[in-house]
Protein backbone atom coordinates (compact mmCIF):
# COMPACT_ATOMS: atom_id res chain seq x y z
CA MET A 1 -68.11 2.93 18.14
CA THR A 2 -65.51 0.92 20.07
CA VAL A 3 -66.01 -2.36 21.91
CA ILE A 4 -63.15 -3.36 24.27
CA GLY A 5 -60.71 -1.25 22.34
CA ILE A 6 -61.75 -2.75 18.94
CA PRO A 7 -63.31 -0.35 16.44
CA VAL A 8 -66.75 -1.55 15.19
CA GLU A 9 -69.46 -0.04 13.07
CA HIS A 10 -73.21 -0.66 12.61
CA SER A 11 -74.36 -2.44 9.47
CA GLY A 12 -77.62 -1.82 7.80
CA ASP A 13 -79.31 -4.87 9.37
CA GLY A 14 -78.45 -3.80 12.92
CA GLN A 15 -75.44 -6.16 13.33
CA LEU A 16 -72.01 -5.05 14.46
CA ASP A 17 -69.16 -5.33 11.93
CA VAL A 18 -65.59 -5.43 13.22
CA ALA A 19 -63.36 -2.94 11.42
CA PRO A 20 -60.23 -4.37 9.71
CA PRO A 21 -56.96 -4.02 11.64
CA SER A 22 -54.86 -0.96 10.96
CA ASN A 23 -51.66 -1.20 8.87
CA ARG A 24 -49.87 1.51 10.83
CA GLY A 25 -47.22 -0.95 12.19
CA LYS A 26 -46.27 -2.29 8.77
CA PRO A 27 -44.06 0.64 7.64
CA GLU A 28 -42.07 0.49 10.90
CA TRP A 29 -41.51 -3.25 10.47
CA ALA A 30 -40.39 -2.81 6.86
CA ARG A 31 -38.08 0.03 7.88
CA ALA A 32 -36.49 -2.11 10.60
CA VAL A 33 -35.89 -4.95 8.12
CA ALA A 34 -34.35 -2.54 5.63
CA VAL A 35 -32.01 -1.02 8.23
CA ARG A 36 -30.93 -4.47 9.43
CA SER A 37 -30.30 -5.60 5.85
CA ILE A 38 -28.11 -2.55 5.22
CA TRP A 39 -26.07 -3.30 8.33
CA TYR A 40 -25.65 -6.93 7.24
CA VAL A 41 -24.44 -5.87 3.80
CA LEU A 42 -22.06 -3.34 5.34
CA GLY A 43 -20.70 -6.04 7.68
CA VAL A 44 -20.08 -8.39 4.77
CA VAL A 45 -18.25 -5.66 2.84
CA VAL A 46 -16.04 -4.79 5.82
CA ALA A 47 -15.34 -8.48 6.49
CA ALA A 48 -14.35 -9.00 2.85
CA PHE A 49 -12.11 -5.92 3.02
CA PHE A 50 -10.10 -7.56 5.81
CA ALA A 51 -10.45 -11.19 4.67
CA LEU A 52 -9.17 -10.77 1.11
CA PRO A 53 -5.64 -9.63 2.13
CA MET A 54 -5.47 -12.55 4.57
CA LEU A 55 -6.58 -14.93 1.82
CA TRP A 56 -3.91 -13.51 -0.47
CA LEU A 57 -1.28 -13.98 2.24
CA VAL A 58 -2.21 -17.66 2.54
CA THR A 59 -2.39 -18.43 -1.19
CA ALA A 60 0.37 -16.25 -2.70
CA PRO A 61 3.34 -18.19 -1.19
CA PHE A 62 2.16 -21.32 -3.04
CA GLU A 63 1.75 -19.55 -6.38
CA ALA A 64 4.58 -19.75 -8.92
CA HIS A 65 3.96 -16.23 -10.21
CA PRO A 66 1.88 -14.39 -7.61
CA GLY A 67 0.23 -11.11 -8.41
CA PHE A 68 -2.17 -8.89 -6.56
CA ASP A 69 -5.11 -11.21 -7.23
CA VAL A 70 -6.18 -14.20 -5.14
CA GLY A 71 -5.84 -17.59 -6.79
CA LEU A 72 -3.74 -20.72 -7.30
CA SER A 73 -3.06 -21.32 -10.96
CA HIS A 74 0.45 -22.87 -10.62
CA LEU A 75 0.94 -24.59 -7.27
CA THR A 76 4.57 -24.71 -6.12
CA LEU A 77 6.80 -24.91 -3.04
CA SER A 78 9.85 -23.34 -4.66
CA ASN A 79 9.12 -20.00 -2.99
CA PHE A 80 9.84 -21.52 0.42
CA VAL A 81 13.06 -23.06 -0.89
CA ASP A 82 14.23 -19.66 -2.16
CA VAL A 83 13.42 -18.00 1.17
CA PHE A 84 15.29 -20.66 3.13
CA HIS A 85 18.33 -20.14 0.88
CA ASN A 86 18.47 -16.54 2.07
CA PRO A 87 21.20 -16.51 4.73
CA ASN A 88 19.41 -14.01 6.97
CA ALA A 89 15.79 -15.15 6.65
CA LEU A 90 15.69 -17.74 9.44
CA SER A 91 18.16 -15.88 11.63
CA SER A 92 15.97 -12.77 11.47
CA LEU A 93 13.02 -14.77 12.81
CA TYR A 94 15.24 -16.01 15.62
CA ASN A 95 16.36 -12.43 16.35
CA SER A 96 12.73 -11.29 16.51
CA LEU A 97 11.96 -14.10 18.92
CA ILE A 98 14.87 -13.15 21.19
CA LEU A 99 13.96 -9.46 21.21
CA SER A 100 10.29 -10.21 21.85
CA LEU A 101 10.91 -12.63 24.71
CA LEU A 102 13.50 -10.45 26.46
CA THR A 103 11.31 -7.35 26.19
CA MET A 104 8.27 -9.31 27.35
CA LEU A 105 10.09 -10.57 30.45
CA ILE A 106 11.25 -7.07 31.40
CA VAL A 107 7.86 -5.47 30.75
CA VAL A 108 5.86 -8.14 32.61
CA GLY A 109 8.26 -8.26 35.58
CA ALA A 110 8.68 -4.51 35.97
CA SER A 111 4.97 -3.82 35.37
CA ALA A 112 3.96 -6.38 38.00
CA LEU A 113 6.29 -4.92 40.64
CA ALA A 114 5.36 -1.30 39.89
CA ALA A 115 1.62 -1.97 39.60
CA TYR A 116 1.61 -3.91 42.87
CA ALA A 117 3.42 -1.12 44.69
CA LEU A 118 1.18 1.60 43.24
CA SER A 119 -1.92 -0.44 44.07
CA ARG A 120 -1.01 -1.04 47.70
CA VAL A 121 0.72 2.24 48.63
CA ASN A 122 -1.28 5.46 48.75
CA LEU A 123 1.09 7.97 47.18
CA PRO A 124 0.04 11.61 46.73
CA GLY A 125 -0.84 12.20 43.07
CA ARG A 126 -0.57 8.51 42.19
CA ASP A 127 -3.39 8.44 39.64
CA VAL A 128 -2.26 11.72 38.08
CA MET A 129 1.25 10.34 37.68
CA LEU A 130 -0.07 7.20 35.95
CA TYR A 131 -2.19 9.22 33.53
CA VAL A 132 0.70 11.56 32.75
CA LEU A 133 3.05 8.64 32.06
CA LEU A 134 0.46 7.00 29.83
CA LEU A 135 -0.18 10.25 27.98
CA LEU A 136 3.51 10.96 27.43
CA SER A 137 4.19 7.41 26.23
CA SER A 138 1.37 7.78 23.69
CA VAL A 139 2.14 11.30 22.48
CA VAL A 140 5.94 11.06 22.43
CA SER A 141 6.17 8.00 20.20
CA GLY A 142 9.31 6.26 18.99
CA THR A 143 9.40 8.36 15.83
CA ALA A 144 9.32 11.69 17.71
CA ALA A 145 11.89 10.57 20.29
CA MET A 146 14.20 8.70 17.93
CA VAL A 147 17.00 11.28 17.88
CA PRO A 148 17.39 11.62 21.68
CA LEU A 149 16.97 7.85 22.06
CA PHE A 150 19.73 7.24 19.52
CA LEU A 151 22.06 9.67 21.29
CA LEU A 152 21.27 8.06 24.65
CA VAL A 153 21.95 4.54 23.38
CA PHE A 154 25.09 5.77 21.64
CA ASP A 155 26.42 7.32 24.88
CA MET A 156 25.71 4.02 26.65
CA HIS A 157 27.73 2.17 23.97
CA LEU A 158 24.74 -0.06 23.16
CA ILE A 159 24.47 0.70 19.44
CA ASN A 160 24.24 -2.51 17.38
CA THR A 161 23.37 -4.62 20.43
CA ASP A 162 20.21 -6.46 21.41
CA ALA A 163 20.41 -4.90 24.87
CA GLY A 164 20.01 -1.38 23.50
CA VAL A 165 16.95 -2.34 21.43
CA VAL A 166 15.37 -4.28 24.29
CA LEU A 167 15.82 -1.41 26.77
CA VAL A 168 14.31 1.15 24.39
CA LEU A 169 11.35 -1.08 23.51
CA ALA A 170 10.71 -2.02 27.14
CA ALA A 171 10.85 1.61 28.27
CA GLY A 172 8.22 2.55 25.69
CA LEU A 173 5.85 -0.25 26.74
CA LEU A 174 6.21 0.03 30.51
CA PRO A 175 3.83 3.00 31.20
CA ALA A 176 0.89 1.36 29.45
CA GLY A 177 1.76 -2.01 30.99
CA ILE A 178 1.75 -0.57 34.52
CA PHE A 179 -1.51 1.28 33.85
CA ILE A 180 -3.27 -1.88 32.61
CA LEU A 181 -1.91 -4.19 35.29
CA LYS A 182 -2.76 -1.83 38.15
CA ASP A 183 -6.47 -2.40 37.52
CA PHE A 184 -5.94 -6.12 38.00
CA MET A 185 -3.97 -5.50 41.20
CA ASP A 186 -6.68 -3.22 42.60
CA SER A 187 -9.28 -5.97 42.25
CA ILE A 188 -7.38 -8.44 44.49
CA PRO A 189 -8.77 -8.36 48.08
CA ARG A 190 -6.17 -7.31 50.60
CA SER A 191 -7.43 -9.95 53.01
CA TYR A 192 -5.50 -12.55 51.01
CA GLU A 193 -2.24 -10.75 51.64
CA GLU A 194 -3.08 -10.15 55.28
CA SER A 195 -3.57 -13.88 55.75
CA ALA A 196 -0.21 -14.58 54.13
CA ARG A 197 1.44 -11.88 56.25
CA VAL A 198 0.21 -13.63 59.40
CA PHE A 199 2.27 -16.67 58.39
CA GLY A 200 5.37 -14.50 57.88
CA ALA A 201 5.33 -14.11 54.11
CA SER A 202 7.44 -11.28 52.69
CA PRO A 203 5.99 -8.80 50.15
CA LEU A 204 7.78 -10.55 47.26
CA ARG A 205 6.52 -13.93 48.48
CA MET A 206 2.97 -12.57 48.65
CA LEU A 207 3.32 -11.16 45.14
CA TRP A 208 4.63 -14.48 43.81
CA ASP A 209 2.35 -16.94 45.63
CA VAL A 210 -0.83 -14.95 46.36
CA VAL A 211 -1.23 -12.02 44.00
CA GLY A 212 0.55 -13.50 40.96
CA PRO A 213 -1.81 -16.48 40.43
CA SER A 214 -4.82 -14.22 40.88
CA VAL A 215 -3.71 -11.73 38.21
CA ARG A 216 -2.45 -14.36 35.78
CA PRO A 217 -4.91 -13.25 33.06
CA GLY A 218 -3.56 -9.71 33.37
CA LEU A 219 0.01 -10.93 33.10
CA ALA A 220 -1.00 -12.85 29.96
CA VAL A 221 -2.50 -9.67 28.52
CA ILE A 222 0.72 -7.73 29.10
CA GLY A 223 2.90 -10.57 27.83
CA VAL A 224 1.02 -11.08 24.55
CA TRP A 225 0.68 -7.33 24.02
CA ALA A 226 4.44 -6.81 24.52
CA VAL A 227 5.40 -9.67 22.19
CA VAL A 228 3.10 -8.43 19.42
CA ASN A 229 4.38 -4.85 19.71
CA VAL A 230 8.03 -5.89 19.58
CA TRP A 231 7.45 -8.46 16.84
CA GLY A 232 6.05 -5.85 14.49
CA ASN A 233 8.38 -2.98 15.40
CA PHE A 234 10.50 -1.77 12.49
CA LEU A 235 11.87 1.70 13.23
CA ILE A 236 13.84 1.12 16.44
CA PRO A 237 15.72 -2.02 15.31
CA PHE A 238 16.30 -0.44 11.90
CA ILE A 239 18.08 2.57 13.45
CA LEU A 240 19.87 0.95 16.39
CA LEU A 241 21.11 -2.24 14.70
CA ARG A 242 23.80 -2.18 12.01
CA SER A 243 24.81 -5.81 11.48
CA PRO A 244 22.65 -7.83 9.04
CA GLY A 245 22.96 -10.83 11.34
CA LEU A 246 21.21 -8.96 14.16
CA THR A 247 18.26 -7.51 12.24
CA PRO A 248 14.81 -8.88 13.16
CA ALA A 249 12.26 -10.12 10.66
CA ALA A 250 10.41 -6.79 10.53
CA VAL A 251 13.56 -5.21 9.08
CA GLU A 252 14.71 -8.20 7.03
CA ILE A 253 11.51 -8.24 5.00
CA TYR A 254 12.65 -5.03 3.27
CA SER A 255 15.63 -6.90 1.82
CA PHE A 256 13.25 -8.65 -0.58
CA TYR A 257 12.89 -5.48 -2.63
CA THR A 258 14.99 -4.99 -5.71
CA SER A 259 17.55 -2.21 -5.99
CA GLY A 260 14.96 -0.22 -7.91
CA GLY A 261 12.43 -0.51 -5.11
CA GLN A 262 10.24 -3.10 -6.82
CA ALA A 263 8.73 -5.75 -4.54
CA ASN A 264 9.52 -9.42 -5.14
CA LEU A 265 6.06 -10.78 -4.43
CA ARG A 266 7.22 -14.39 -4.40
CA LEU A 267 9.69 -13.88 -1.56
CA ILE A 268 7.75 -11.18 0.29
CA SER A 269 4.53 -13.20 0.47
CA THR A 270 6.37 -16.36 1.54
CA PHE A 271 8.44 -14.63 4.21
CA SER A 272 5.36 -12.71 5.40
CA LEU A 273 3.53 -15.98 5.95
CA LEU A 274 6.43 -17.37 7.98
CA TYR A 275 6.64 -14.06 9.83
CA THR A 276 2.94 -14.19 10.74
CA LEU A 277 2.78 -17.80 11.95
CA PRO A 278 4.41 -17.26 15.40
CA VAL A 279 1.91 -14.53 16.28
CA VAL A 280 -0.97 -16.77 15.19
CA VAL A 281 0.41 -19.62 17.31
CA ILE A 282 0.64 -17.32 20.35
CA TYR A 283 -2.94 -16.20 19.75
CA LEU A 284 -4.21 -19.78 19.57
CA LEU A 285 -2.31 -20.86 22.69
CA VAL A 286 -3.54 -17.92 24.76
CA GLN A 287 -7.07 -18.25 23.39
CA ARG A 288 -7.11 -21.94 24.32
CA ARG A 289 -5.84 -21.21 27.82
CA TYR A 290 -7.92 -18.14 28.64
CA GLY A 291 -10.44 -17.89 25.83
CA PHE A 292 -9.54 -14.16 25.73
CA ARG A 293 -11.79 -13.69 28.72
CA PHE A 294 -9.28 -11.30 30.26
CA TYR A 295 -10.74 -9.85 33.39
CA GLY A 296 -9.59 -8.73 36.78
CA GLY A 297 -10.97 -9.53 40.17
CA ILE A 298 -12.09 -12.60 42.02
CA LYS A 299 -15.59 -13.97 42.37
CA GLY A 300 -16.13 -15.30 45.83
């Protein structure tokens, strides 16, 4: 017998006894807790997998005899002194900074102009062209195109120059930069530009004063992305630059290996920490300014 959805049964004395609640929901609850616990444990393992190398990078430069374990048994600053005595250590960081900034300026400027034009002009096959450029820039990487790129730079007499490296790096980043920035341009209402055109503003003036401030987060995305890609690029500077004084930090770090190919952990860990700091500083500055809430469009 059931009373208002609650199972009951008759007792011997004629009274109604309420049946105990069913335990059918308990296995599902226990299963959900078990699955969540497994995911938590897996997350901790993955986090430790990435955190331990970072912890080693922070502690090894201050260890007198660093190994592959994490710890500080003999605290010292002599590793930094030895790195600074290297004649090309600091200059390589400066070279990386120059290459990154020059490439970033070209990529951001050219991407903004091209994305603005493609966003406002209805060209036949525009979207197909963007996807093809993005696909080719991803499939034909620097490694696959290194021989023709070297011959092209050689014919232009730009071997062993910063200009040759910057042009090659910027050309490889431009398709993706245009593709990303076009989405930001598409989200800007055209009424803003029409209002500026009424007052006689030129297209470049509208791009600089109207569209540029509105897509500033997108420009920050492209700028940081270009700097990080150039900062960590090894192959192109390694092939196109010949003078030790022009090599960036990504190439210079390989000079801390012995002639037999054995790594000098003292110098490599210390230089790697110095090499990582500028990227961390850029991350913190951009995160403080935008909070990494990169989005396109305007809420009105």
